[in-house]
Amino acid sequence: MYCQARAGILRKVCPTCADIIAVVEGSAGQVGWTELIDVFAAKGLTKADVDRVLDAEIDEAPTLRDRLTSRMANELMKGLGMPGRQSPEDVRRVRLGLAASCQGTWSPGEKPPGQA
């Protein structure tokens, strides 16, 4: 499902992808990004493998990275005494909106279009 590798007859997810999913489900929200990277490294998972699984879009649903970002944002907000209401769908909408709006970017020192 995630990396398109053969998983076996009864499985939908290969062992590498299953390890990544288990780390995300077990650690997300309880550890920061740095600690999460350390957990991935300790399991021998490569950055390419992790990125491929975290960014896999299945049936136009939020990616694992969207879910992870949502969980971490909510934990941070709760820690600051605010209600955490960031859903994975909200993160996906923002991510897709940012990707669509990146066409109009400019470099530092340049003026935005329309400004002389």
N, C-alpha and C. Protein backbone atom coordinates (compact mmCIF):
# COMPACT_ATOMS: atom_id res chain seq x y z
N MET A 1 0.81 -1.20 0.00
CA MET A 1 0.00 0.00 0.00
C MET A 1 0.86 1.27 0.00
N TYR A 2 1.90 1.30 0.80
CA TYR A 2 2.68 2.53 0.96
C TYR A 2 3.83 2.63 -0.03
N CYS A 3 4.64 1.59 -0.14
CA CYS A 3 5.83 1.67 -1.00
C CYS A 3 5.67 0.86 -2.28
N GLN A 4 4.57 0.20 -2.43
CA GLN A 4 4.27 -0.61 -3.61
C GLN A 4 5.12 -1.88 -3.70
N ALA A 5 5.87 -2.21 -2.65
CA ALA A 5 6.65 -3.45 -2.64
C ALA A 5 5.72 -4.61 -2.32
N ARG A 6 6.10 -5.79 -2.74
CA ARG A 6 5.29 -6.97 -2.44
C ARG A 6 5.34 -7.24 -0.95
N ALA A 7 4.17 -7.42 -0.37
CA ALA A 7 4.08 -7.62 1.07
C ALA A 7 3.85 -9.08 1.43
N GLY A 8 3.41 -9.86 0.50
CA GLY A 8 3.10 -11.26 0.78
C GLY A 8 1.67 -11.56 0.38
N ILE A 9 1.27 -12.77 0.62
CA ILE A 9 -0.07 -13.19 0.20
C ILE A 9 -1.16 -12.58 1.07
N LEU A 10 -0.98 -12.61 2.39
CA LEU A 10 -2.02 -12.15 3.30
C LEU A 10 -1.83 -10.72 3.80
N ARG A 11 -0.68 -10.14 3.55
CA ARG A 11 -0.39 -8.80 4.04
C ARG A 11 -0.63 -7.75 2.98
N LYS A 12 -0.99 -6.53 3.43
CA LYS A 12 -1.12 -5.40 2.53
C LYS A 12 0.08 -4.47 2.66
N VAL A 13 0.86 -4.65 3.74
CA VAL A 13 1.97 -3.74 4.04
C VAL A 13 3.24 -4.57 4.23
N CYS A 14 4.32 -4.13 3.57
CA CYS A 14 5.60 -4.85 3.69
C CYS A 14 6.17 -4.64 5.10
N PRO A 15 7.13 -5.47 5.53
CA PRO A 15 7.68 -5.35 6.88
C PRO A 15 8.31 -3.99 7.19
N THR A 16 9.00 -3.38 6.22
CA THR A 16 9.62 -2.07 6.45
C THR A 16 8.54 -1.01 6.71
N CYS A 17 7.53 -0.99 5.87
CA CYS A 17 6.44 -0.03 6.06
C CYS A 17 5.71 -0.30 7.38
N ALA A 18 5.53 -1.56 7.73
CA ALA A 18 4.87 -1.90 8.99
C ALA A 18 5.67 -1.38 10.18
N ASP A 19 7.00 -1.46 10.11
CA ASP A 19 7.85 -0.92 11.19
C ASP A 19 7.67 0.58 11.32
N ILE A 20 7.64 1.28 10.19
CA ILE A 20 7.49 2.74 10.21
C ILE A 20 6.14 3.11 10.79
N ILE A 21 5.10 2.43 10.37
CA ILE A 21 3.75 2.71 10.88
C ILE A 21 3.68 2.44 12.38
N ALA A 22 4.30 1.38 12.84
CA ALA A 22 4.31 1.05 14.27
C ALA A 22 5.01 2.14 15.08
N VAL A 23 6.11 2.66 14.57
CA VAL A 23 6.83 3.74 15.26
C VAL A 23 5.95 4.99 15.33
N VAL A 24 5.32 5.35 14.22
CA VAL A 24 4.47 6.54 14.20
C VAL A 24 3.30 6.38 15.16
N GLU A 25 2.63 5.25 15.11
CA GLU A 25 1.47 5.04 15.99
C GLU A 25 1.87 4.95 17.45
N GLY A 26 3.05 4.41 17.74
CA GLY A 26 3.48 4.25 19.12
C GLY A 26 4.14 5.46 19.74
N SER A 27 4.71 6.33 18.90
CA SER A 27 5.51 7.43 19.44
C SER A 27 4.93 8.81 19.18
N ALA A 28 4.11 8.96 18.18
CA ALA A 28 3.63 10.28 17.80
C ALA A 28 2.89 10.95 18.94
N GLY A 29 3.22 12.20 19.15
CA GLY A 29 2.59 12.95 20.20
C GLY A 29 3.30 12.85 21.53
N GLN A 30 4.06 11.76 21.73
CA GLN A 30 4.79 11.60 22.98
C GLN A 30 6.24 12.03 22.87
N VAL A 31 6.75 12.08 21.65
CA VAL A 31 8.14 12.50 21.43
C VAL A 31 8.16 13.57 20.36
N GLY A 32 9.22 14.37 20.34
CA GLY A 32 9.39 15.40 19.32
C GLY A 32 9.97 14.80 18.05
N TRP A 33 10.13 15.67 17.05
CA TRP A 33 10.66 15.22 15.76
C TRP A 33 12.05 14.59 15.90
N THR A 34 12.92 15.19 16.71
CA THR A 34 14.28 14.68 16.85
C THR A 34 14.28 13.29 17.45
N GLU A 35 13.50 13.10 18.50
CA GLU A 35 13.42 11.78 19.13
C GLU A 35 12.80 10.75 18.19
N LEU A 36 11.82 11.19 17.41
CA LEU A 36 11.19 10.29 16.45
C LEU A 36 12.20 9.83 15.40
N ILE A 37 13.03 10.75 14.94
CA ILE A 37 14.09 10.39 13.98
C ILE A 37 15.06 9.40 14.61
N ASP A 38 15.38 9.60 15.88
CA ASP A 38 16.27 8.67 16.58
C ASP A 38 15.66 7.27 16.65
N VAL A 39 14.34 7.19 16.86
CA VAL A 39 13.67 5.88 16.91
C VAL A 39 13.74 5.21 15.54
N PHE A 40 13.49 5.98 14.48
CA PHE A 40 13.59 5.42 13.13
C PHE A 40 15.01 4.91 12.86
N ALA A 41 16.00 5.70 13.23
CA ALA A 41 17.40 5.32 13.00
C ALA A 41 17.77 4.08 13.80
N ALA A 42 17.30 3.99 15.03
CA ALA A 42 17.60 2.83 15.88
C ALA A 42 17.02 1.54 15.29
N LYS A 43 15.93 1.66 14.55
CA LYS A 43 15.33 0.49 13.90
C LYS A 43 15.96 0.19 12.54
N GLY A 44 16.94 1.03 12.14
CA GLY A 44 17.63 0.80 10.87
C GLY A 44 16.84 1.25 9.66
N LEU A 45 15.89 2.15 9.85
CA LEU A 45 15.08 2.63 8.74
C LEU A 45 15.75 3.83 8.08
N THR A 46 15.73 3.87 6.77
CA THR A 46 16.38 4.97 6.05
C THR A 46 15.42 6.15 5.89
N LYS A 47 15.99 7.32 5.64
CA LYS A 47 15.18 8.52 5.43
C LYS A 47 14.26 8.33 4.22
N ALA A 48 14.77 7.74 3.17
CA ALA A 48 13.97 7.52 1.96
C ALA A 48 12.77 6.63 2.25
N ASP A 49 12.99 5.54 3.02
CA ASP A 49 11.89 4.64 3.38
C ASP A 49 10.85 5.37 4.21
N VAL A 50 11.32 6.11 5.21
CA VAL A 50 10.40 6.82 6.11
C VAL A 50 9.61 7.87 5.34
N ASP A 51 10.30 8.67 4.51
CA ASP A 51 9.61 9.70 3.74
C ASP A 51 8.58 9.09 2.80
N ARG A 52 8.92 7.99 2.16
CA ARG A 52 7.99 7.35 1.23
C ARG A 52 6.70 6.93 1.94
N VAL A 53 6.83 6.37 3.13
CA VAL A 53 5.65 5.93 3.87
C VAL A 53 4.88 7.12 4.44
N LEU A 54 5.59 8.08 5.02
CA LEU A 54 4.92 9.23 5.62
C LEU A 54 4.17 10.07 4.59
N ASP A 55 4.66 10.10 3.35
CA ASP A 55 4.06 10.95 2.32
C ASP A 55 3.13 10.20 1.36
N ALA A 56 2.91 8.92 1.59
CA ALA A 56 2.05 8.14 0.70
C ALA A 56 0.60 8.59 0.84
N GLU A 57 0.00 8.93 -0.28
CA GLU A 57 -1.41 9.32 -0.29
C GLU A 57 -2.23 8.14 -0.76
N ILE A 58 -3.09 7.66 0.11
CA ILE A 58 -3.90 6.50 -0.19
C ILE A 58 -5.37 6.93 -0.18
N ASP A 59 -6.03 6.77 -1.29
CA ASP A 59 -7.45 7.12 -1.43
C ASP A 59 -7.75 8.56 -1.04
N GLU A 60 -6.86 9.49 -1.36
CA GLU A 60 -7.02 10.91 -1.08
C GLU A 60 -7.27 11.22 0.40
N ALA A 61 -6.79 10.34 1.26
CA ALA A 61 -6.90 10.55 2.71
C ALA A 61 -5.64 11.28 3.18
N PRO A 62 -5.68 11.87 4.37
CA PRO A 62 -4.47 12.50 4.90
C PRO A 62 -3.33 11.48 4.99
N THR A 63 -2.12 11.95 4.73
CA THR A 63 -0.95 11.08 4.81
C THR A 63 -0.60 10.82 6.27
N LEU A 64 0.29 9.88 6.50
CA LEU A 64 0.77 9.65 7.87
C LEU A 64 1.49 10.89 8.40
N ARG A 65 2.17 11.61 7.53
CA ARG A 65 2.84 12.85 7.96
C ARG A 65 1.79 13.88 8.40
N ASP A 66 0.65 13.96 7.69
CA ASP A 66 -0.43 14.86 8.10
C ASP A 66 -0.95 14.46 9.48
N ARG A 67 -1.14 13.16 9.69
CA ARG A 67 -1.63 12.67 10.99
C ARG A 67 -0.63 12.95 12.09
N LEU A 68 0.64 12.73 11.79
CA LEU A 68 1.71 12.97 12.76
C LEU A 68 1.79 14.45 13.11
N THR A 69 1.73 15.31 12.11
CA THR A 69 1.78 16.75 12.33
C THR A 69 0.58 17.20 13.17
N SER A 70 -0.58 16.67 12.87
CA SER A 70 -1.78 17.00 13.62
C SER A 70 -1.64 16.61 15.09
N ARG A 71 -1.18 15.41 15.33
CA ARG A 71 -1.02 14.93 16.70
C ARG A 71 -0.02 15.77 17.48
N MET A 72 1.11 16.06 16.84
CA MET A 72 2.15 16.85 17.51
C MET A 72 1.68 18.28 17.77
N ALA A 73 0.96 18.87 16.81
CA ALA A 73 0.44 20.23 17.00
C ALA A 73 -0.56 20.26 18.15
N ASN A 74 -1.42 19.26 18.21
CA ASN A 74 -2.42 19.20 19.29
C ASN A 74 -1.76 19.02 20.65
N GLU A 75 -0.73 18.19 20.72
CA GLU A 75 -0.02 18.00 21.99
C GLU A 75 0.66 19.29 22.42
N LEU A 76 1.25 20.00 21.47
CA LEU A 76 1.89 21.28 21.78
C LEU A 76 0.86 22.29 22.29
N MET A 77 -0.26 22.37 21.60
CA MET A 77 -1.31 23.30 22.02
C MET A 77 -1.84 22.95 23.41
N LYS A 78 -2.05 21.67 23.67
CA LYS A 78 -2.52 21.26 25.00
C LYS A 78 -1.50 21.62 26.07
N GLY A 79 -0.22 21.45 25.74
CA GLY A 79 0.84 21.80 26.67
C GLY A 79 0.88 23.28 26.98
N LEU A 80 0.38 24.09 26.06
CA LEU A 80 0.32 25.54 26.25
C LEU A 80 -1.01 25.99 26.85
N GLY A 81 -1.87 25.01 27.18
CA GLY A 81 -3.15 25.32 27.80
C GLY A 81 -4.25 25.68 26.83
N MET A 82 -4.06 25.36 25.56
CA MET A 82 -5.08 25.65 24.55
C MET A 82 -5.69 24.33 24.08
N PRO A 83 -6.91 24.40 23.59
CA PRO A 83 -7.50 23.16 23.05
C PRO A 83 -6.82 22.77 21.74
N GLY A 84 -6.48 21.52 21.61
CA GLY A 84 -5.88 21.04 20.37
C GLY A 84 -6.96 20.54 19.44
N ARG A 85 -7.20 21.27 18.37
CA ARG A 85 -8.28 20.90 17.46
C ARG A 85 -7.82 20.74 16.03
N GLN A 86 -6.55 20.52 15.81
CA GLN A 86 -6.00 20.38 14.46
C GLN A 86 -6.23 18.95 13.99
N SER A 87 -7.08 18.76 12.99
CA SER A 87 -7.33 17.41 12.47
C SER A 87 -6.36 17.10 11.35
N PRO A 88 -6.14 15.81 11.06
CA PRO A 88 -5.30 15.46 9.92
C PRO A 88 -5.84 16.03 8.60
N GLU A 89 -7.16 16.13 8.48
CA GLU A 89 -7.76 16.71 7.28
C GLU A 89 -7.41 18.19 7.17
N ASP A 90 -7.37 18.91 8.32
CA ASP A 90 -6.97 20.31 8.31
C ASP A 90 -5.53 20.45 7.82
N VAL A 91 -4.65 19.59 8.32
CA VAL A 91 -3.24 19.64 7.91
C VAL A 91 -3.13 19.36 6.42
N ARG A 92 -3.88 18.40 5.92
CA ARG A 92 -3.86 18.06 4.48
C ARG A 92 -4.31 19.25 3.64
N ARG A 93 -5.40 19.91 4.06
CA ARG A 93 -5.90 21.07 3.32
C ARG A 93 -4.85 22.18 3.27
N VAL A 94 -4.19 22.43 4.40
CA VAL A 94 -3.15 23.46 4.44
C VAL A 94 -1.99 23.07 3.53
N ARG A 95 -1.56 21.80 3.62
CA ARG A 95 -0.44 21.34 2.80
C ARG A 95 -0.76 21.48 1.32
N LEU A 96 -1.95 21.06 0.91
CA LEU A 96 -2.32 21.15 -0.50
C LEU A 96 -2.50 22.61 -0.93
N GLY A 97 -3.01 23.44 -0.04
CA GLY A 97 -3.16 24.86 -0.34
C GLY A 97 -1.82 25.55 -0.50
N LEU A 98 -0.86 25.18 0.35
CA LEU A 98 0.48 25.76 0.24
C LEU A 98 1.16 25.32 -1.05
N ALA A 99 0.98 24.06 -1.41
CA ALA A 99 1.60 23.55 -2.64
C ALA A 99 1.04 24.29 -3.85
N ALA A 100 -0.24 24.58 -3.83
CA ALA A 100 -0.86 25.28 -4.97
C ALA A 100 -0.44 26.74 -5.02
N SER A 101 -0.15 27.34 -3.87
CA SER A 101 0.17 28.77 -3.85
C SER A 101 1.67 29.04 -4.03
N CYS A 102 2.49 28.02 -4.11
CA CYS A 102 3.94 28.22 -4.23
C CYS A 102 4.35 28.75 -5.59
N GLN A 103 3.44 28.85 -6.53
CA GLN A 103 3.77 29.36 -7.84
C GLN A 103 4.17 30.83 -7.78
N GLY A 104 3.64 31.56 -6.82
CA GLY A 104 3.88 32.99 -6.76
C GLY A 104 4.94 33.40 -5.78
N THR A 105 5.95 32.58 -5.58
CA THR A 105 6.99 32.94 -4.63
C THR A 105 8.07 33.74 -5.32
N TRP A 106 8.84 34.47 -4.54
CA TRP A 106 9.95 35.24 -5.06
C TRP A 106 11.12 35.12 -4.12
N SER A 107 12.29 35.43 -4.61
CA SER A 107 13.52 35.29 -3.84
C SER A 107 13.71 36.49 -2.91
N PRO A 108 14.50 36.31 -1.82
CA PRO A 108 14.79 37.44 -0.95
C PRO A 108 15.44 38.56 -1.75
N GLY A 109 15.03 39.79 -1.49
CA GLY A 109 15.57 40.94 -2.21
C GLY A 109 14.74 41.32 -3.42
N GLU A 110 13.92 40.38 -3.92
CA GLU A 110 13.03 40.69 -5.04
C GLU A 110 11.75 41.29 -4.49
N LYS A 111 11.08 42.08 -5.31
CA LYS A 111 9.80 42.65 -4.92
C LYS A 111 8.70 41.75 -5.45
N PRO A 112 7.61 41.61 -4.69
CA PRO A 112 6.48 40.82 -5.18
C PRO A 112 5.93 41.40 -6.47
N PRO A 113 5.34 40.57 -7.32
CA PRO A 113 4.74 41.07 -8.56
C PRO A 113 3.72 42.15 -8.25
N GLY A 114 3.72 43.20 -9.05
CA GLY A 114 2.78 44.28 -8.85
C GLY A 114 3.31 45.41 -8.00
N GLN A 115 4.48 45.20 -7.38
CA GLN A 115 5.08 46.26 -6.58
C GLN A 115 6.32 46.76 -7.32
N ALA A 116 6.42 48.07 -7.48
CA ALA A 116 7.57 48.61 -8.21
C ALA A 116 8.67 49.04 -7.29
